[in-house]
Amino acid sequence: MNEYDNDHGKECHLISMFQSNEKERNEWFHLLMQPYLALLHNRCVYKIRDKTSAEDLVQEILIRVYKALPTYRHEALFKTWIFKITDNVCYSFLSCNYKYKTDIVTMNILEHLTQVNNHNIDLEITFNQAIPSLSKNEQEIINLRFYKDFSLSEISHILQITISACKMRIYRALQSLSLLII
């Protein structure tokens, strides 16, 4: 029997103890989640690139796991299951968080706009003036690509779309944005 089988067996035991013993749930949960805390934090930092917010998100993840664990069915590895929850929490954070940013996005950052319209516009636009006029999907893709500075592969992973679809969404969002500022 290898180490994986021992860890998996221990994990399954902790999950079943959590599910069957309501009085000692907190202790079982602590034992179950302790090995994953650093992994969850690192994954959040990687996804959202903000250590302070990552700490808050780990708390949110732990709450969601705690609430969902009684119905966990062992259809996937526990680690895969909690990472999926982690990714969803990070994705929700990213998609909602950009609304509260008021930083200025310069035309130098959005240089693709000049390629779309063949105009050399030397303006600065406030994020809150032009971006809210776009659809939610367009706002989201602009935020992830230019404000959060994610690569196309990272964005496609976050949005769970292909890289080709990601490129098309960025192109269309930039087209829409360029029409708004002309």
N, C-alpha and C. Protein backbone atom coordinates (compact mmCIF):
# COMPACT_ATOMS: atom_id res chain seq x y z
N MET A 1 0.85 -1.18 0.00
CA MET A 1 0.00 0.00 0.00
C MET A 1 0.90 1.24 0.00
N ASN A 2 0.67 2.15 -0.93
CA ASN A 2 1.52 3.34 -1.01
C ASN A 2 0.97 4.50 -0.18
N GLU A 3 1.73 5.59 -0.17
CA GLU A 3 1.36 6.76 0.64
C GLU A 3 0.04 7.37 0.20
N TYR A 4 -0.20 7.38 -1.13
CA TYR A 4 -1.46 7.93 -1.64
C TYR A 4 -2.65 7.18 -1.06
N ASP A 5 -2.59 5.86 -1.06
CA ASP A 5 -3.69 5.05 -0.53
C ASP A 5 -3.93 5.35 0.95
N ASN A 6 -2.83 5.52 1.71
CA ASN A 6 -2.97 5.86 3.13
C ASN A 6 -3.63 7.21 3.32
N ASP A 7 -3.15 8.22 2.55
CA ASP A 7 -3.72 9.56 2.66
C ASP A 7 -5.18 9.58 2.22
N HIS A 8 -5.47 8.89 1.12
CA HIS A 8 -6.84 8.85 0.61
C HIS A 8 -7.76 8.14 1.60
N GLY A 9 -7.28 7.06 2.18
CA GLY A 9 -8.08 6.33 3.17
C GLY A 9 -8.33 7.18 4.41
N LYS A 10 -7.32 7.90 4.86
CA LYS A 10 -7.47 8.78 6.02
C LYS A 10 -8.47 9.90 5.71
N GLU A 11 -8.34 10.44 4.50
CA GLU A 11 -9.24 11.49 4.06
C GLU A 11 -10.69 11.00 4.03
N CYS A 12 -10.92 9.85 3.46
CA CYS A 12 -12.26 9.26 3.40
C CYS A 12 -12.81 9.03 4.80
N HIS A 13 -11.96 8.57 5.70
CA HIS A 13 -12.37 8.35 7.08
C HIS A 13 -12.78 9.67 7.74
N LEU A 14 -11.98 10.70 7.56
CA LEU A 14 -12.29 12.01 8.15
C LEU A 14 -13.60 12.57 7.58
N ILE A 15 -13.80 12.40 6.29
CA ILE A 15 -15.04 12.88 5.67
C ILE A 15 -16.24 12.14 6.23
N SER A 16 -16.15 10.82 6.33
CA SER A 16 -17.30 10.06 6.86
C SER A 16 -17.53 10.37 8.34
N MET A 17 -16.47 10.63 9.10
CA MET A 17 -16.65 11.03 10.50
C MET A 17 -17.32 12.40 10.57
N PHE A 18 -16.94 13.31 9.71
CA PHE A 18 -17.57 14.63 9.65
C PHE A 18 -19.05 14.49 9.31
N GLN A 19 -19.36 13.66 8.33
CA GLN A 19 -20.74 13.51 7.88
C GLN A 19 -21.63 12.81 8.90
N SER A 20 -21.04 11.95 9.70
CA SER A 20 -21.87 11.17 10.62
C SER A 20 -21.88 11.69 12.06
N ASN A 21 -21.02 12.61 12.40
CA ASN A 21 -20.89 13.05 13.79
C ASN A 21 -21.04 14.57 13.88
N GLU A 22 -22.28 15.02 14.09
CA GLU A 22 -22.54 16.46 14.11
C GLU A 22 -21.92 17.17 15.31
N LYS A 23 -21.78 16.48 16.42
CA LYS A 23 -21.26 17.12 17.63
C LYS A 23 -19.78 17.46 17.51
N GLU A 24 -19.02 16.65 16.81
CA GLU A 24 -17.58 16.87 16.70
C GLU A 24 -17.17 17.28 15.28
N ARG A 25 -18.10 17.85 14.54
CA ARG A 25 -17.83 18.23 13.16
C ARG A 25 -16.67 19.19 13.02
N ASN A 26 -16.60 20.16 13.91
CA ASN A 26 -15.54 21.17 13.80
C ASN A 26 -14.16 20.54 13.92
N GLU A 27 -14.01 19.59 14.83
CA GLU A 27 -12.71 18.94 15.01
C GLU A 27 -12.34 18.11 13.78
N TRP A 28 -13.32 17.37 13.25
CA TRP A 28 -13.06 16.56 12.06
C TRP A 28 -12.75 17.45 10.86
N PHE A 29 -13.47 18.54 10.76
CA PHE A 29 -13.23 19.48 9.65
C PHE A 29 -11.82 20.07 9.74
N HIS A 30 -11.43 20.45 10.94
CA HIS A 30 -10.08 21.00 11.14
C HIS A 30 -9.01 19.99 10.70
N LEU A 31 -9.17 18.74 11.12
CA LEU A 31 -8.20 17.70 10.75
C LEU A 31 -8.18 17.46 9.24
N LEU A 32 -9.35 17.51 8.63
CA LEU A 32 -9.46 17.27 7.19
C LEU A 32 -8.85 18.40 6.37
N MET A 33 -9.08 19.64 6.77
CA MET A 33 -8.68 20.78 5.96
C MET A 33 -7.26 21.29 6.25
N GLN A 34 -6.70 20.95 7.38
CA GLN A 34 -5.39 21.46 7.76
C GLN A 34 -4.32 21.26 6.67
N PRO A 35 -4.23 20.08 6.06
CA PRO A 35 -3.19 19.91 5.03
C PRO A 35 -3.41 20.76 3.77
N TYR A 36 -4.62 21.27 3.58
CA TYR A 36 -4.95 22.00 2.36
C TYR A 36 -4.88 23.51 2.51
N LEU A 37 -4.75 24.04 3.70
CA LEU A 37 -4.83 25.49 3.90
C LEU A 37 -3.80 26.25 3.08
N ALA A 38 -2.55 25.83 3.13
CA ALA A 38 -1.51 26.52 2.36
C ALA A 38 -1.76 26.38 0.86
N LEU A 39 -2.21 25.20 0.43
CA LEU A 39 -2.49 24.99 -0.99
C LEU A 39 -3.62 25.90 -1.47
N LEU A 40 -4.66 26.02 -0.65
CA LEU A 40 -5.79 26.88 -1.03
C LEU A 40 -5.35 28.34 -1.11
N HIS A 41 -4.56 28.77 -0.13
CA HIS A 41 -4.07 30.15 -0.12
C HIS A 41 -3.22 30.42 -1.35
N ASN A 42 -2.29 29.53 -1.65
CA ASN A 42 -1.42 29.72 -2.81
C ASN A 42 -2.21 29.73 -4.11
N ARG A 43 -3.22 28.89 -4.21
CA ARG A 43 -4.05 28.85 -5.41
C ARG A 43 -4.81 30.16 -5.57
N CYS A 44 -5.34 30.68 -4.46
CA CYS A 44 -6.05 31.96 -4.51
C CYS A 44 -5.12 33.10 -4.91
N VAL A 45 -3.93 33.13 -4.33
CA VAL A 45 -2.96 34.18 -4.68
C VAL A 45 -2.63 34.11 -6.16
N TYR A 46 -2.44 32.89 -6.67
CA TYR A 46 -2.14 32.72 -8.09
C TYR A 46 -3.31 33.21 -8.96
N LYS A 47 -4.52 32.88 -8.56
CA LYS A 47 -5.69 33.23 -9.37
C LYS A 47 -6.00 34.72 -9.35
N ILE A 48 -5.94 35.35 -8.16
CA ILE A 48 -6.38 36.74 -8.06
C ILE A 48 -5.24 37.73 -7.91
N ARG A 49 -4.03 37.24 -7.63
CA ARG A 49 -2.83 38.07 -7.50
C ARG A 49 -2.96 39.15 -6.45
N ASP A 50 -3.53 38.79 -5.33
CA ASP A 50 -3.68 39.73 -4.21
C ASP A 50 -3.68 38.93 -2.91
N LYS A 51 -2.59 39.03 -2.14
CA LYS A 51 -2.44 38.20 -0.95
C LYS A 51 -3.48 38.52 0.12
N THR A 52 -3.79 39.78 0.30
CA THR A 52 -4.76 40.16 1.34
C THR A 52 -6.14 39.60 1.02
N SER A 53 -6.58 39.78 -0.20
CA SER A 53 -7.89 39.25 -0.60
C SER A 53 -7.89 37.73 -0.60
N ALA A 54 -6.75 37.13 -0.88
CA ALA A 54 -6.65 35.66 -0.90
C ALA A 54 -6.96 35.09 0.47
N GLU A 55 -6.51 35.77 1.52
CA GLU A 55 -6.79 35.30 2.88
C GLU A 55 -8.29 35.31 3.16
N ASP A 56 -8.96 36.36 2.71
CA ASP A 56 -10.41 36.43 2.88
C ASP A 56 -11.11 35.34 2.06
N LEU A 57 -10.61 35.10 0.87
CA LEU A 57 -11.23 34.09 0.01
C LEU A 57 -11.06 32.69 0.59
N VAL A 58 -9.93 32.43 1.23
CA VAL A 58 -9.73 31.12 1.85
C VAL A 58 -10.80 30.90 2.93
N GLN A 59 -11.12 31.94 3.68
CA GLN A 59 -12.18 31.82 4.68
C GLN A 59 -13.52 31.51 4.01
N GLU A 60 -13.80 32.19 2.91
CA GLU A 60 -15.03 31.93 2.17
C GLU A 60 -15.06 30.49 1.64
N ILE A 61 -13.93 30.02 1.16
CA ILE A 61 -13.83 28.65 0.65
C ILE A 61 -14.09 27.65 1.77
N LEU A 62 -13.49 27.88 2.92
CA LEU A 62 -13.69 26.97 4.06
C LEU A 62 -15.16 26.92 4.46
N ILE A 63 -15.82 28.05 4.44
CA ILE A 63 -17.25 28.09 4.77
C ILE A 63 -18.05 27.27 3.75
N ARG A 64 -17.75 27.47 2.47
CA ARG A 64 -18.48 26.74 1.43
C ARG A 64 -18.22 25.24 1.52
N VAL A 65 -16.98 24.86 1.77
CA VAL A 65 -16.65 23.43 1.90
C VAL A 65 -17.39 22.86 3.11
N TYR A 66 -17.38 23.57 4.23
CA TYR A 66 -18.04 23.11 5.45
C TYR A 66 -19.54 22.88 5.21
N LYS A 67 -20.16 23.82 4.49
CA LYS A 67 -21.59 23.70 4.21
C LYS A 67 -21.91 22.58 3.22
N ALA A 68 -21.00 22.36 2.27
CA ALA A 68 -21.27 21.36 1.22
C ALA A 68 -20.79 19.96 1.58
N LEU A 69 -19.90 19.86 2.55
CA LEU A 69 -19.30 18.57 2.88
C LEU A 69 -20.30 17.50 3.32
N PRO A 70 -21.39 17.84 3.99
CA PRO A 70 -22.34 16.78 4.35
C PRO A 70 -22.94 16.05 3.14
N THR A 71 -22.92 16.69 1.98
CA THR A 71 -23.48 16.05 0.78
C THR A 71 -22.40 15.57 -0.18
N TYR A 72 -21.13 15.65 0.22
CA TYR A 72 -20.02 15.17 -0.63
C TYR A 72 -20.19 13.68 -0.89
N ARG A 73 -20.06 13.26 -2.18
CA ARG A 73 -20.38 11.89 -2.57
C ARG A 73 -19.18 11.06 -3.03
N HIS A 74 -17.98 11.54 -2.89
CA HIS A 74 -16.78 10.80 -3.29
C HIS A 74 -16.74 10.48 -4.78
N GLU A 75 -17.40 11.28 -5.60
CA GLU A 75 -17.37 11.05 -7.05
C GLU A 75 -16.05 11.52 -7.65
N ALA A 76 -15.42 12.47 -7.00
CA ALA A 76 -14.11 12.96 -7.43
C ALA A 76 -13.20 12.96 -6.21
N LEU A 77 -11.91 13.07 -6.46
CA LEU A 77 -11.00 13.18 -5.33
C LEU A 77 -11.37 14.42 -4.52
N PHE A 78 -11.20 14.35 -3.24
CA PHE A 78 -11.53 15.47 -2.36
C PHE A 78 -10.73 16.71 -2.76
N LYS A 79 -9.46 16.52 -3.07
CA LYS A 79 -8.61 17.65 -3.45
C LYS A 79 -9.15 18.32 -4.71
N THR A 80 -9.58 17.55 -5.68
CA THR A 80 -10.15 18.09 -6.90
C THR A 80 -11.43 18.87 -6.59
N TRP A 81 -12.23 18.32 -5.71
CA TRP A 81 -13.50 18.93 -5.32
C TRP A 81 -13.27 20.29 -4.66
N ILE A 82 -12.34 20.34 -3.70
CA ILE A 82 -12.11 21.63 -3.02
C ILE A 82 -11.40 22.63 -3.94
N PHE A 83 -10.60 22.14 -4.88
CA PHE A 83 -9.97 23.05 -5.83
C PHE A 83 -11.01 23.64 -6.79
N LYS A 84 -12.02 22.87 -7.12
CA LYS A 84 -13.10 23.39 -7.98
C LYS A 84 -13.87 24.48 -7.23
N ILE A 85 -14.13 24.25 -5.95
CA ILE A 85 -14.77 25.28 -5.13
C ILE A 85 -13.88 26.51 -5.07
N THR A 86 -12.59 26.30 -4.87
CA THR A 86 -11.63 27.41 -4.81
C THR A 86 -11.65 28.21 -6.11
N ASP A 87 -11.60 27.53 -7.23
CA ASP A 87 -11.62 28.22 -8.52
C ASP A 87 -12.90 29.03 -8.70
N ASN A 88 -14.03 28.45 -8.30
CA ASN A 88 -15.30 29.17 -8.43
C ASN A 88 -15.36 30.40 -7.54
N VAL A 89 -14.85 30.30 -6.33
CA VAL A 89 -14.83 31.46 -5.43
C VAL A 89 -13.92 32.54 -6.00
N CYS A 90 -12.75 32.16 -6.50
CA CYS A 90 -11.83 33.13 -7.10
C CYS A 90 -12.44 33.77 -8.34
N TYR A 91 -13.09 32.96 -9.15
CA TYR A 91 -13.73 33.48 -10.35
C TYR A 91 -14.84 34.48 -9.98
N SER A 92 -15.64 34.16 -8.99
CA SER A 92 -16.69 35.08 -8.55
C SER A 92 -16.08 36.38 -8.04
N PHE A 93 -15.01 36.26 -7.29
CA PHE A 93 -14.33 37.44 -6.78
C PHE A 93 -13.83 38.31 -7.93
N LEU A 94 -13.19 37.69 -8.91
CA LEU A 94 -12.67 38.46 -10.04
C LEU A 94 -13.77 39.12 -10.85
N SER A 95 -14.85 38.41 -11.06
CA SER A 95 -15.92 38.96 -11.90
C SER A 95 -16.69 40.07 -11.19
N CYS A 96 -16.72 40.06 -9.88
CA CYS A 96 -17.44 41.10 -9.14
C CYS A 96 -16.53 42.24 -8.70
N ASN A 97 -15.28 41.96 -8.50
CA ASN A 97 -14.38 42.94 -7.89
C ASN A 97 -14.07 44.12 -8.78
N TYR A 98 -14.08 43.94 -10.09
CA TYR A 98 -13.68 45.03 -10.96
C TYR A 98 -14.64 46.22 -10.91
N LYS A 99 -15.87 46.02 -10.47
CA LYS A 99 -16.84 47.10 -10.40
C LYS A 99 -16.38 48.21 -9.46
N TYR A 100 -15.58 47.85 -8.48
CA TYR A 100 -15.20 48.79 -7.44
C TYR A 100 -13.87 49.47 -7.70
N LYS A 101 -13.26 49.18 -8.81
CA LYS A 101 -11.98 49.79 -9.14
C LYS A 101 -12.23 51.08 -9.91
N THR A 102 -11.50 52.12 -9.57
CA THR A 102 -11.69 53.40 -10.25
C THR A 102 -10.40 53.88 -10.90
N ASP A 103 -9.45 52.99 -11.07
CA ASP A 103 -8.18 53.37 -11.68
C ASP A 103 -8.38 53.77 -13.13
N ILE A 104 -7.47 54.55 -13.62
CA ILE A 104 -7.54 55.01 -15.00
C ILE A 104 -6.83 54.02 -15.91
N VAL A 105 -7.50 53.72 -17.00
CA VAL A 105 -6.92 52.84 -18.00
C VAL A 105 -6.48 53.74 -19.15
N THR A 106 -5.24 53.73 -19.48
CA THR A 106 -4.76 54.61 -20.55
C THR A 106 -4.88 53.92 -21.89
N MET A 107 -4.82 54.72 -22.93
CA MET A 107 -4.90 54.17 -24.27
C MET A 107 -3.65 53.36 -24.60
N ASN A 108 -2.53 53.66 -23.91
CA ASN A 108 -1.33 52.87 -24.14
C ASN A 108 -1.56 51.42 -23.73
N ILE A 109 -2.28 51.20 -22.64
CA ILE A 109 -2.57 49.85 -22.19
C ILE A 109 -3.53 49.17 -23.16
N LEU A 110 -4.46 49.93 -23.66
CA LEU A 110 -5.45 49.37 -24.58
C LEU A 110 -5.05 49.65 -26.03
N GLU A 111 -3.80 49.37 -26.36
CA GLU A 111 -3.30 49.69 -27.69
C GLU A 111 -4.03 48.94 -28.81
N HIS A 112 -4.70 47.87 -28.45
CA HIS A 112 -5.46 47.14 -29.47
C HIS A 112 -6.58 47.99 -30.05
N LEU A 113 -7.05 48.98 -29.30
CA LEU A 113 -8.11 49.84 -29.81
C LEU A 113 -7.64 50.60 -31.04
N THR A 114 -6.39 51.03 -31.04
CA THR A 114 -5.89 51.76 -32.20
C THR A 114 -5.79 50.85 -33.42
N GLN A 115 -5.52 49.57 -33.20
CA GLN A 115 -5.46 48.64 -34.32
C GLN A 115 -6.85 48.40 -34.89
N VAL A 116 -7.86 48.35 -34.03
CA VAL A 116 -9.22 48.10 -34.48
C VAL A 116 -9.74 49.27 -35.30
N ASN A 117 -9.45 50.50 -34.88
CA ASN A 117 -10.01 51.68 -35.52
C ASN A 117 -9.03 52.46 -36.38
N ASN A 118 -7.77 52.11 -36.40
CA ASN A 118 -6.74 52.83 -37.15
C ASN A 118 -6.69 54.30 -36.80
N HIS A 119 -6.99 54.63 -35.56
CA HIS A 119 -6.88 56.00 -35.08
C HIS A 119 -5.82 56.04 -34.01
N ASN A 120 -5.07 57.12 -34.00
CA ASN A 120 -4.12 57.30 -32.91
C ASN A 120 -4.76 58.26 -31.91
N ILE A 121 -5.37 57.69 -30.93
CA ILE A 121 -6.05 58.48 -29.91
C ILE A 121 -5.13 58.57 -28.71
N ASP A 122 -4.86 59.77 -28.28
CA ASP A 122 -3.94 59.96 -27.17
C ASP A 122 -4.73 60.50 -25.98
N LEU A 123 -5.68 59.71 -25.51
CA LEU A 123 -6.55 60.11 -24.42
C LEU A 123 -6.41 59.16 -23.26
N GLU A 124 -6.86 59.60 -22.13
CA GLU A 124 -7.04 58.68 -21.01
C GLU A 124 -8.53 58.63 -20.72
N ILE A 125 -9.02 57.44 -20.52
CA ILE A 125 -10.43 57.29 -20.21
C ILE A 125 -10.54 56.72 -18.81
N THR A 126 -11.52 57.16 -18.12
CA THR A 126 -11.75 56.62 -16.79
C THR A 126 -12.49 55.30 -16.92
N PHE A 127 -12.02 54.36 -16.16
CA PHE A 127 -12.60 53.01 -16.20
C PHE A 127 -14.10 53.07 -15.99
N ASN A 128 -14.55 53.91 -15.09
CA ASN A 128 -15.97 53.98 -14.75
C ASN A 128 -16.82 54.69 -15.79
N GLN A 129 -16.21 55.36 -16.77
CA GLN A 129 -17.00 56.07 -17.77
C GLN A 129 -17.35 55.20 -18.97
N ALA A 130 -16.39 54.51 -19.54
CA ALA A 130 -16.64 53.76 -20.77
C ALA A 130 -16.98 52.29 -20.52
N ILE A 131 -16.29 51.67 -19.61
CA ILE A 131 -16.45 50.24 -19.40
C ILE A 131 -17.87 49.85 -18.97
N PRO A 132 -18.53 50.59 -18.07
CA PRO A 132 -19.89 50.17 -17.67
C PRO A 132 -20.90 50.15 -18.81
N SER A 133 -20.60 50.82 -19.90
CA SER A 133 -21.51 50.80 -21.05
C SER A 133 -21.44 49.49 -21.82
N LEU A 134 -20.40 48.71 -21.58
CA LEU A 134 -20.25 47.42 -22.25
C LEU A 134 -21.12 46.37 -21.57
N SER A 135 -21.31 45.26 -22.26
CA SER A 135 -22.04 44.15 -21.64
C SER A 135 -21.19 43.56 -20.51
N LYS A 136 -21.83 42.79 -19.66
CA LYS A 136 -21.11 42.19 -18.52
C LYS A 136 -19.96 41.31 -18.99
N ASN A 137 -20.18 40.51 -20.03
CA ASN A 137 -19.11 39.65 -20.56
C ASN A 137 -17.95 40.47 -21.11
N GLU A 138 -18.27 41.58 -21.78
CA GLU A 138 -17.20 42.43 -22.33
C GLU A 138 -16.43 43.11 -21.21
N GLN A 139 -17.13 43.57 -20.18
CA GLN A 139 -16.47 44.19 -19.03
C GLN A 139 -15.53 43.19 -18.36
N GLU A 140 -16.01 41.98 -18.23
CA GLU A 140 -15.25 40.93 -17.56
C GLU A 140 -13.96 40.62 -18.31
N ILE A 141 -14.04 40.46 -19.61
CA ILE A 141 -12.86 40.08 -20.39
C ILE A 141 -11.86 41.23 -20.44
N ILE A 142 -12.33 42.47 -20.56
CA ILE A 142 -11.44 43.65 -20.54
C ILE A 142 -10.74 43.73 -19.19
N ASN A 143 -11.49 43.53 -18.12
CA ASN A 143 -10.92 43.60 -16.78
C ASN A 143 -9.83 42.54 -16.58
N LEU A 144 -10.13 41.32 -16.96
CA LEU A 144 -9.16 40.24 -16.76
C LEU A 144 -7.90 40.44 -17.61
N ARG A 145 -8.07 40.90 -18.85
CA ARG A 145 -6.92 41.01 -19.75
C ARG A 145 -6.07 42.24 -19.47
N PHE A 146 -6.72 43.39 -19.33
CA PHE A 146 -5.96 44.63 -19.26
C PHE A 146 -5.82 45.20 -17.85
N TYR A 147 -6.81 44.98 -17.02
CA TYR A 147 -6.70 45.50 -15.66
C TYR A 147 -5.97 44.54 -14.74
N LYS A 148 -6.34 43.25 -14.81
CA LYS A 148 -5.68 42.23 -13.98
C LYS A 148 -4.43 41.66 -14.65
N ASP A 149 -4.25 41.95 -15.95
CA ASP A 149 -3.08 41.55 -16.71
C ASP A 149 -2.89 40.02 -16.77
N PHE A 150 -4.00 39.31 -16.94
CA PHE A 150 -3.94 37.85 -17.09
C PHE A 150 -3.58 37.52 -18.53
N SER A 151 -2.91 36.41 -18.72
CA SER A 151 -2.61 35.93 -20.07
C SER A 151 -3.88 35.32 -20.67
N LEU A 152 -3.85 35.09 -21.98
CA LEU A 152 -5.01 34.48 -22.63
C LEU A 152 -5.30 33.09 -22.08
N SER A 153 -4.26 32.33 -21.81
CA SER A 153 -4.50 30.98 -21.28
C SER A 153 -5.08 31.04 -19.87
N GLU A 154 -4.64 32.01 -19.06
CA GLU A 154 -5.21 32.16 -17.71
C GLU A 154 -6.68 32.57 -17.79
N ILE A 155 -6.98 33.49 -18.68
CA ILE A 155 -8.37 33.94 -18.84
C ILE A 155 -9.24 32.79 -19.33
N SER A 156 -8.73 32.03 -20.29
CA SER A 156 -9.53 30.92 -20.80
C SER A 156 -9.77 29.88 -19.71
N HIS A 157 -8.80 29.70 -18.83
CA HIS A 157 -8.98 28.78 -17.71
C HIS A 157 -10.01 29.33 -16.71
N ILE A 158 -9.91 30.61 -16.38
CA ILE A 158 -10.83 31.23 -15.43
C ILE A 158 -12.27 31.17 -15.95
N LEU A 159 -12.43 31.54 -17.22
CA LEU A 159 -13.78 31.59 -17.81
C LEU A 159 -14.25 30.23 -18.33
N GLN A 160 -13.35 29.26 -18.31
CA GLN A 160 -13.64 27.92 -18.78
C GLN A 160 -14.12 27.93 -20.24
N ILE A 161 -13.32 28.64 -21.07
CA ILE A 161 -13.56 28.68 -22.51
C ILE A 161 -12.24 28.37 -23.21
N THR A 162 -12.32 28.15 -24.51
CA THR A 162 -11.09 27.89 -25.27
C THR A 162 -10.32 29.20 -25.46
N ILE A 163 -9.05 29.09 -25.80
CA ILE A 163 -8.24 30.28 -26.04
C ILE A 163 -8.77 31.03 -27.26
N SER A 164 -9.23 30.30 -28.25
CA SER A 164 -9.80 30.92 -29.44
C SER A 164 -11.03 31.76 -29.08
N ALA A 165 -11.90 31.22 -28.25
CA ALA A 165 -13.08 31.97 -27.81
C ALA A 165 -12.66 33.18 -26.99
N CYS A 166 -11.63 33.03 -26.21
CA CYS A 166 -11.10 34.13 -25.40
C CYS A 166 -10.62 35.28 -26.30
N LYS A 167 -9.86 34.94 -27.34
CA LYS A 167 -9.37 35.95 -28.27
C LYS A 167 -10.54 36.68 -28.95
N MET A 168 -11.55 35.92 -29.35
CA MET A 168 -12.70 36.52 -30.02
C MET A 168 -13.45 37.46 -29.09
N ARG A 169 -13.62 37.06 -27.83
CA ARG A 169 -14.31 37.92 -26.87
C ARG A 169 -13.54 39.21 -26.63
N ILE A 170 -12.22 39.11 -26.54
CA ILE A 170 -11.41 40.31 -26.35
C ILE A 170 -11.53 41.22 -27.56
N TYR A 171 -11.44 40.65 -28.74
CA TYR A 171 -11.55 41.43 -29.97
C TYR A 171 -12.90 42.16 -30.03
N ARG A 172 -13.97 41.44 -29.74
CA ARG A 172 -15.30 42.05 -29.80
C ARG A 172 -15.48 43.12 -28.72
N ALA A 173 -14.94 42.86 -27.54
CA ALA A 173 -15.04 43.84 -26.45
C ALA A 173 -14.27 45.11 -26.82
N LEU A 174 -13.10 44.95 -27.43
CA LEU A 174 -12.32 46.11 -27.85
C LEU A 174 -13.01 46.87 -28.97
N GLN A 175 -13.66 46.15 -29.87
CA GLN A 175 -14.43 46.81 -30.92
C GLN A 175 -15.55 47.65 -30.30
N SER A 176 -16.29 47.06 -29.38
CA SER A 176 -17.39 47.78 -28.72
C SER A 176 -16.87 48.99 -27.97
N LEU A 177 -15.76 48.82 -27.28
CA LEU A 177 -15.18 49.92 -26.51
C LEU A 177 -14.71 51.04 -27.44
N SER A 178 -14.14 50.66 -28.57
CA SER A 178 -13.65 51.69 -29.50
C SER A 178 -14.81 52.50 -30.07
N LEU A 179 -15.96 51.84 -30.29
CA LEU A 179 -17.12 52.57 -30.80
C LEU A 179 -17.65 53.56 -29.75
N LEU A 180 -17.48 53.22 -28.48
CA LEU A 180 -17.96 54.10 -27.42
C LEU A 180 -17.11 55.37 -27.27
N ILE A 181 -15.83 55.26 -27.56
CA ILE A 181 -14.97 56.42 -27.31
C ILE A 181 -14.70 57.28 -28.54
N ILE A 182 -15.22 56.85 -29.68
CA ILE A 182 -15.02 57.66 -30.90
C ILE A 182 -16.00 58.80 -30.90
